[in-house]
Amino acid sequence: MIQAGPDDGDSLDVDRIARTVRPTFGRRVVAVPPGEAMPFDPGTWEDAIVFVLAGEIDVQCSSGAGHRFQQGDILWFTGLSVRSLRNGGSVPVRLLAIWRIAHR
C-alpha cells in the first residue's frame, strides 16, 4: 500500500483513492522512465492533485530552479511555471493525477 503523509495513522491510502475515483473525477497514471524527461503541458495537469506513486521526480521550473519529489509526496502544478518533469533516478517514476471533470 502506498501512503502519503507521516506514518502516524493519519496518512492517505493512495491505492484506495486510485481505485475508488468517482465518475465526477478523472484519473491518469503517468510513467517517466529512468533518465527521461517529459515537457510540461499545463493543460494536462490543470486542477489536478498529483501523487508520486513510485520513484523520484525532478520538477524543473522555467526560472531554472528545481526540486526533487519522492514516493508519497503530493503535488499541485496549477499556477506554477514548470518547464519539465525529469526522472533522474534509477527506477521508473509513476505519477497519479486526479482532477474534477467539471473543470476540464
C-alpha atoms as a PDB file:
ATOM      1  CA  MET A   1       0.000   0.000   0.000  1.00  0.00           C
ATOM      2  CA  ILE A   2       1.302   3.455  -0.915  1.00  0.00           C
ATOM      3  CA  GLN A   3       0.628   6.112   1.669  1.00  0.00           C
ATOM      4  CA  ALA A   4       1.247   9.829   1.718  1.00  0.00           C
ATOM      5  CA  GLY A   5       1.984  11.644   4.934  1.00  0.00           C
ATOM      6  CA  PRO A   6       3.632  10.733   8.211  1.00  0.00           C
ATOM      7  CA  ASP A   7       3.252   7.152   9.406  1.00  0.00           C
ATOM      8  CA  ASP A   8       1.098   8.088  12.396  1.00  0.00           C
ATOM      9  CA  GLY A   9      -2.271   6.692  11.340  1.00  0.00           C
ATOM     10  CA  ASP A  10      -3.301   9.930   9.585  1.00  0.00           C
ATOM     11  CA  SER A  11      -1.749   9.082   6.215  1.00  0.00           C
ATOM     12  CA  LEU A  12      -3.660   8.879   2.916  1.00  0.00           C
ATOM     13  CA  ASP A  13      -4.263   5.493   1.319  1.00  0.00           C
ATOM     14  CA  VAL A  14      -3.345   6.474  -2.250  1.00  0.00           C
ATOM     15  CA  ASP A  15      -4.039   2.983  -3.634  1.00  0.00           C
ATOM     16  CA  ARG A  16      -7.619   3.206  -2.364  1.00  0.00           C
ATOM     17  CA  ILE A  17      -8.027   6.705  -3.780  1.00  0.00           C
ATOM     18  CA  ALA A  18      -6.838   5.491  -7.203  1.00  0.00           C
ATOM     19  CA  ARG A  19      -9.276   2.544  -7.179  1.00  0.00           C
ATOM     20  CA  THR A  20     -12.345   4.431  -6.000  1.00  0.00           C
ATOM     21  CA  VAL A  21     -12.306   7.665  -8.015  1.00  0.00           C
ATOM     22  CA  ARG A  22     -15.920   8.734  -8.588  1.00  0.00           C
ATOM     23  CA  PRO A  23     -17.302   9.463 -12.084  1.00  0.00           C
ATOM     24  CA  THR A  24     -17.085  13.219 -11.434  1.00  0.00           C
ATOM     25  CA  PHE A  25     -13.285  12.911 -11.277  1.00  0.00           C
ATOM     26  CA  GLY A  26     -10.746  11.997 -13.924  1.00  0.00           C
ATOM     27  CA  ARG A  27      -7.701   9.854 -13.241  1.00  0.00           C
ATOM     28  CA  ARG A  28      -4.466   9.262 -15.130  1.00  0.00           C
ATOM     29  CA  VAL A  29      -1.234   7.446 -14.296  1.00  0.00           C
ATOM     30  CA  VAL A  30       1.865   8.830 -15.999  1.00  0.00           C
ATOM     31  CA  ALA A  31       5.155   6.894 -16.141  1.00  0.00           C
ATOM     32  CA  VAL A  32       8.557   8.501 -16.671  1.00  0.00           C
ATOM     33  CA  PRO A  33      11.393   6.028 -17.377  1.00  0.00           C
ATOM     34  CA  PRO A  34      14.762   6.423 -15.605  1.00  0.00           C
ATOM     35  CA  GLY A  35      16.876   9.177 -17.157  1.00  0.00           C
ATOM     36  CA  GLU A  36      13.963  10.548 -19.217  1.00  0.00           C
ATOM     37  CA  ALA A  37      12.250  13.920 -19.107  1.00  0.00           C
ATOM     38  CA  MET A  38       8.855  14.989 -20.345  1.00  0.00           C
ATOM     39  CA  PRO A  39       7.985  18.528 -21.395  1.00  0.00           C
ATOM     40  CA  PHE A  40       5.392  20.084 -19.155  1.00  0.00           C
ATOM     41  CA  ASP A  41       1.964  20.760 -20.699  1.00  0.00           C
ATOM     42  CA  PRO A  42      -0.063  22.875 -18.230  1.00  0.00           C
ATOM     43  CA  GLY A  43      -3.375  21.678 -19.695  1.00  0.00           C
ATOM     44  CA  THR A  44      -2.525  18.075 -18.860  1.00  0.00           C
ATOM     45  CA  TRP A  45      -2.119  18.875 -15.167  1.00  0.00           C
ATOM     46  CA  GLU A  46      -4.701  21.669 -14.765  1.00  0.00           C
ATOM     47  CA  ASP A  47      -6.637  21.404 -11.495  1.00  0.00           C
ATOM     48  CA  ALA A  48      -5.017  18.021 -10.737  1.00  0.00           C
ATOM     49  CA  ILE A  49      -3.730  16.705  -7.450  1.00  0.00           C
ATOM     50  CA  VAL A  50      -0.656  14.624  -8.306  1.00  0.00           C
ATOM     51  CA  PHE A  51       0.611  11.778  -6.134  1.00  0.00           C
ATOM     52  CA  VAL A  52       4.129  10.397  -6.584  1.00  0.00           C
ATOM     53  CA  LEU A  53       3.417   6.653  -6.533  1.00  0.00           C
ATOM     54  CA  ALA A  54       6.959   5.417  -7.230  1.00  0.00           C
ATOM     55  CA  GLY A  55      10.447   6.799  -7.761  1.00  0.00           C
ATOM     56  CA  GLU A  56      11.686  10.366  -7.563  1.00  0.00           C
ATOM     57  CA  ILE A  57      10.753  13.165  -9.964  1.00  0.00           C
ATOM     58  CA  ASP A  58      12.643  16.415 -10.535  1.00  0.00           C
ATOM     59  CA  VAL A  59      10.322  19.328 -11.260  1.00  0.00           C
ATOM     60  CA  GLN A  60      12.213  21.906 -13.336  1.00  0.00           C
ATOM     61  CA  CYS A  61      10.787  25.428 -13.397  1.00  0.00           C
ATOM     62  CA  SER A  62      11.133  27.972 -16.207  1.00  0.00           C
ATOM     63  CA  SER A  63      13.380  30.055 -13.922  1.00  0.00           C
ATOM     64  CA  GLY A  64      15.898  27.204 -13.801  1.00  0.00           C
ATOM     65  CA  ALA A  65      15.066  26.304 -10.219  1.00  0.00           C
ATOM     66  CA  GLY A  66      14.045  22.756  -9.461  1.00  0.00           C
ATOM     67  CA  HIS A  67      13.039  20.433  -6.689  1.00  0.00           C
ATOM     68  CA  ARG A  68      13.005  16.647  -6.286  1.00  0.00           C
ATOM     69  CA  PHE A  69       9.896  14.892  -5.019  1.00  0.00           C
ATOM     70  CA  GLN A  70       9.692  11.260  -3.961  1.00  0.00           C
ATOM     71  CA  GLN A  71       7.189   8.483  -3.422  1.00  0.00           C
ATOM     72  CA  GLY A  72       4.448   9.654  -1.070  1.00  0.00           C
ATOM     73  CA  ASP A  73       4.699  13.342  -1.976  1.00  0.00           C
ATOM     74  CA  ILE A  74       1.617  15.227  -3.195  1.00  0.00           C
ATOM     75  CA  LEU A  75       1.948  17.953  -5.837  1.00  0.00           C
ATOM     76  CA  TRP A  76      -0.205  20.743  -7.308  1.00  0.00           C
ATOM     77  CA  PHE A  77       1.144  22.329 -10.514  1.00  0.00           C
ATOM     78  CA  THR A  78      -1.618  24.875 -11.230  1.00  0.00           C
ATOM     79  CA  GLY A  79      -0.181  28.389 -11.410  1.00  0.00           C
ATOM     80  CA  LEU A  80       3.470  27.267 -11.441  1.00  0.00           C
ATOM     81  CA  SER A  81       5.883  27.933 -14.301  1.00  0.00           C
ATOM     82  CA  VAL A  82       7.052  24.336 -14.703  1.00  0.00           C
ATOM     83  CA  ARG A  83       9.241  23.540 -17.722  1.00  0.00           C
ATOM     84  CA  SER A  84       9.702  19.764 -17.408  1.00  0.00           C
ATOM     85  CA  LEU A  85       9.408  16.681 -15.239  1.00  0.00           C
ATOM     86  CA  ARG A  86      12.583  14.579 -15.144  1.00  0.00           C
ATOM     87  CA  ASN A  87      13.350  11.206 -13.668  1.00  0.00           C
ATOM     88  CA  GLY A  88      16.963  11.418 -12.503  1.00  0.00           C
ATOM     89  CA  GLY A  89      16.697   8.151 -10.595  1.00  0.00           C
ATOM     90  CA  SER A  90      17.242   4.503 -11.459  1.00  0.00           C
ATOM     91  CA  VAL A  91      13.620   3.301 -11.213  1.00  0.00           C
ATOM     92  CA  PRO A  92      10.546   4.342 -13.228  1.00  0.00           C
ATOM     93  CA  VAL A  93       8.518   7.210 -11.798  1.00  0.00           C
ATOM     94  CA  ARG A  94       4.742   6.749 -11.584  1.00  0.00           C
ATOM     95  CA  LEU A  95       2.519   9.774 -11.028  1.00  0.00           C
ATOM     96  CA  LEU A  96      -1.204   9.579 -10.314  1.00  0.00           C
ATOM     97  CA  ALA A  97      -3.184  12.681 -11.337  1.00  0.00           C
ATOM     98  CA  ILE A  98      -6.776  13.162 -10.162  1.00  0.00           C
ATOM     99  CA  TRP A  99      -8.910  16.146 -11.237  1.00  0.00           C
ATOM    100  CA  ARG A 100     -12.520  17.305 -11.232  1.00  0.00           C
ATOM    101  CA  ILE A 101     -14.062  16.639 -14.652  1.00  0.00           C
ATOM    102  CA  ALA A 102     -16.291  19.727 -14.457  1.00  0.00           C
ATOM    103  CA  HIS A 103     -13.134  21.881 -14.579  1.00  0.00           C
ATOM    104  CA  ARG A 104     -11.617  20.411 -17.752  1.00  0.00           C
END
